[in-house]
Amino acid sequence: MSSPSDNTGDISPTEKIYVLDERDEWIRFRVTPQDQGWSAWMPKKFTISQKQINAQIEAKFGKRPEQSSWDGSVRIVKDYIRSVAKDPDSLQFDKWSDVYYNENDGYIVYCVYRGKNSFGGYTVSANWFVIQYSQVVVIKESDAYEL
């Protein structure tokens, strides 16, 4: 490299870089998807691929839960809700978010559902479900995360 190294622009683990060019053991990148502004070269050994990131996540929290392409539901969550419901046959699932990854909790999904309570009336619930290793491990209130 013909210019001095600059350590002031460290990239955090949550930021992505966009590769513009590769030469030998170096890559030229930007931190924005648009082809504007500055770019820089860095050694490839300081980068990690999305495939490697996914492998690390899977080692820490298990496989990503599958989401139905038909209605967006997550079988693990449906089965869990049925197992704790007073009247499992009365359950209706109204809304599902995408499955997200949270580095502290694992996989999270939001669900709005309704079912009969002890008095025979329907109650609506909305919760975030934290999934690790194909099991619901925590249920959080609807305001725990942002959609």
Protein backbone atom coordinates (compact mmCIF):
# COMPACT_ATOMS: atom_id res chain seq x y z
CA MET A 1 0.00 0.00 0.00
CA SER A 2 1.25 3.45 -0.83
CA SER A 3 -0.70 5.32 1.86
CA PRO A 4 -0.32 5.05 5.64
CA SER A 5 -2.63 2.85 7.69
CA ASP A 6 -5.46 4.61 9.56
CA ASN A 7 -6.84 2.89 12.66
CA THR A 8 -9.54 5.50 13.41
CA GLY A 9 -12.25 3.89 11.28
CA ASP A 10 -12.76 0.54 12.99
CA ILE A 11 -15.79 -1.39 11.78
CA SER A 12 -18.08 -2.78 14.47
CA PRO A 13 -19.17 -6.45 14.37
CA THR A 14 -22.69 -5.42 13.31
CA GLU A 15 -21.59 -3.39 10.28
CA LYS A 16 -21.27 -4.83 6.81
CA ILE A 17 -18.68 -4.00 4.22
CA TYR A 18 -19.31 -4.01 0.48
CA VAL A 19 -16.48 -5.51 -1.53
CA LEU A 20 -15.59 -3.57 -4.65
CA ASP A 21 -12.43 -5.33 -5.79
CA GLU A 22 -10.14 -8.20 -4.78
CA ARG A 23 -6.43 -8.57 -5.49
CA ASP A 24 -4.30 -11.33 -4.04
CA GLU A 25 -4.85 -11.21 -0.26
CA TRP A 26 -6.46 -7.73 -0.29
CA ILE A 27 -9.97 -6.39 -0.77
CA ARG A 28 -11.16 -2.88 -1.61
CA PHE A 29 -14.41 -2.04 0.19
CA ARG A 30 -16.96 0.59 1.16
CA VAL A 31 -19.29 0.68 4.15
CA THR A 32 -22.24 1.83 2.03
CA PRO A 33 -23.91 -0.18 -0.75
CA GLN A 34 -23.80 2.82 -3.11
CA ASP A 35 -20.70 3.35 -5.22
CA GLN A 36 -19.98 6.77 -3.70
CA GLY A 37 -17.57 8.27 -1.23
CA TRP A 38 -14.36 6.80 0.01
CA SER A 39 -13.11 3.26 -0.31
CA ALA A 40 -10.23 1.48 1.37
CA TRP A 41 -8.06 -1.61 1.02
CA MET A 42 -7.64 -4.15 3.81
CA PRO A 43 -6.18 -7.64 4.15
CA LYS A 44 -8.72 -10.42 3.57
CA LYS A 45 -7.61 -12.08 6.83
CA PHE A 46 -9.48 -9.34 8.75
CA THR A 47 -12.82 -10.20 7.13
CA ILE A 48 -15.37 -12.93 7.76
CA SER A 49 -17.93 -14.26 5.29
CA GLN A 50 -21.67 -14.46 5.88
CA LYS A 51 -21.31 -18.25 5.76
CA GLN A 52 -18.82 -18.11 8.64
CA ILE A 53 -21.09 -15.76 10.60
CA ASN A 54 -24.05 -18.13 10.10
CA ALA A 55 -21.93 -21.07 11.32
CA GLN A 56 -21.01 -19.13 14.49
CA ILE A 57 -24.67 -18.26 15.14
CA GLU A 58 -25.72 -21.87 14.62
CA ALA A 59 -23.04 -23.08 17.04
CA LYS A 60 -24.27 -20.61 19.67
CA PHE A 61 -28.08 -20.92 19.23
CA GLY A 62 -28.78 -23.89 16.95
CA LYS A 63 -30.40 -23.91 13.52
CA ARG A 64 -32.58 -21.01 12.42
CA PRO A 65 -36.27 -21.94 12.93
CA GLU A 66 -38.15 -22.62 9.72
CA GLN A 67 -40.98 -20.29 8.85
CA SER A 68 -43.97 -21.40 6.81
CA SER A 69 -44.05 -19.85 3.36
CA TRP A 70 -47.84 -20.21 3.42
CA ASP A 71 -48.76 -18.20 6.54
CA GLY A 72 -45.43 -17.17 8.11
CA SER A 73 -45.96 -19.36 11.16
CA VAL A 74 -43.17 -21.03 13.11
CA ARG A 75 -44.00 -24.61 14.08
CA ILE A 76 -41.87 -24.53 17.25
CA VAL A 77 -43.84 -21.54 18.57
CA LYS A 78 -47.26 -22.94 17.54
CA ASP A 79 -46.49 -26.21 19.32
CA TYR A 80 -45.31 -24.37 22.42
CA ILE A 81 -48.43 -22.17 22.61
CA ARG A 82 -50.65 -25.23 22.14
CA SER A 83 -48.83 -27.02 24.97
CA VAL A 84 -49.59 -24.22 27.48
CA ALA A 85 -53.05 -23.12 26.25
CA LYS A 86 -56.18 -23.84 28.31
CA ASP A 87 -58.06 -24.81 25.12
CA PRO A 88 -55.53 -25.67 22.38
CA ASP A 89 -58.29 -26.37 19.83
CA SER A 90 -59.56 -22.79 20.11
CA LEU A 91 -56.23 -21.18 19.15
CA GLN A 92 -56.12 -18.81 16.20
CA PHE A 93 -52.87 -17.28 14.96
CA ASP A 94 -53.44 -13.79 13.59
CA LYS A 95 -49.99 -12.39 12.82
CA TRP A 96 -46.36 -13.50 12.54
CA SER A 97 -43.22 -11.45 12.12
CA ASP A 98 -40.19 -12.69 10.26
CA VAL A 99 -37.72 -14.72 12.30
CA TYR A 100 -34.97 -12.36 13.43
CA TYR A 101 -31.59 -12.98 14.99
CA ASN A 102 -30.64 -11.14 18.18
CA GLU A 103 -27.03 -11.62 19.27
CA ASN A 104 -27.98 -11.69 22.97
CA ASP A 105 -31.08 -13.89 22.83
CA GLY A 106 -30.90 -16.01 19.70
CA TYR A 107 -33.77 -16.25 17.23
CA ILE A 108 -36.88 -14.20 17.92
CA VAL A 109 -40.32 -14.13 16.34
CA TYR A 110 -43.38 -12.05 17.14
CA CYS A 111 -46.83 -13.65 17.19
CA VAL A 112 -50.36 -12.33 17.76
CA TYR A 113 -52.72 -15.14 18.74
CA ARG A 114 -56.04 -15.70 20.46
CA GLY A 115 -57.68 -18.52 22.36
CA LYS A 116 -60.40 -19.29 24.89
CA ASN A 117 -59.73 -18.49 28.51
CA SER A 118 -61.12 -20.28 31.61
CA PHE A 119 -64.44 -18.40 31.28
CA GLY A 120 -64.99 -19.39 27.63
CA GLY A 121 -64.19 -15.93 26.25
CA TYR A 122 -61.45 -15.25 23.74
CA THR A 123 -58.33 -13.35 24.79
CA VAL A 124 -55.78 -11.87 22.41
CA SER A 125 -52.10 -12.13 23.24
CA ALA A 126 -49.06 -10.69 21.49
CA ASN A 127 -45.60 -11.88 22.45
CA TRP A 128 -42.05 -12.26 21.27
CA PHE A 129 -40.77 -15.82 21.46
CA VAL A 130 -37.06 -16.47 21.95
CA ILE A 131 -35.90 -19.70 20.31
CA GLN A 132 -32.65 -21.52 20.97
CA TYR A 133 -31.77 -25.01 19.76
CA SER A 134 -35.29 -25.55 18.35
CA GLN A 135 -37.07 -24.74 21.63
CA VAL A 136 -38.92 -21.72 22.97
CA VAL A 137 -36.80 -20.65 25.95
CA VAL A 138 -38.31 -17.25 26.84
CA ILE A 139 -41.54 -15.37 26.14
CA LYS A 140 -41.30 -11.57 26.16
CA GLU A 141 -43.89 -8.83 26.12
CA SER A 142 -44.84 -7.21 22.81
CA ASP A 143 -42.73 -4.10 23.52
CA ALA A 144 -39.50 -6.03 24.19
CA TYR A 145 -38.26 -5.52 20.62
CA GLU A 146 -39.21 -3.26 17.75
CA LEU A 147 -40.77 -4.62 14.58
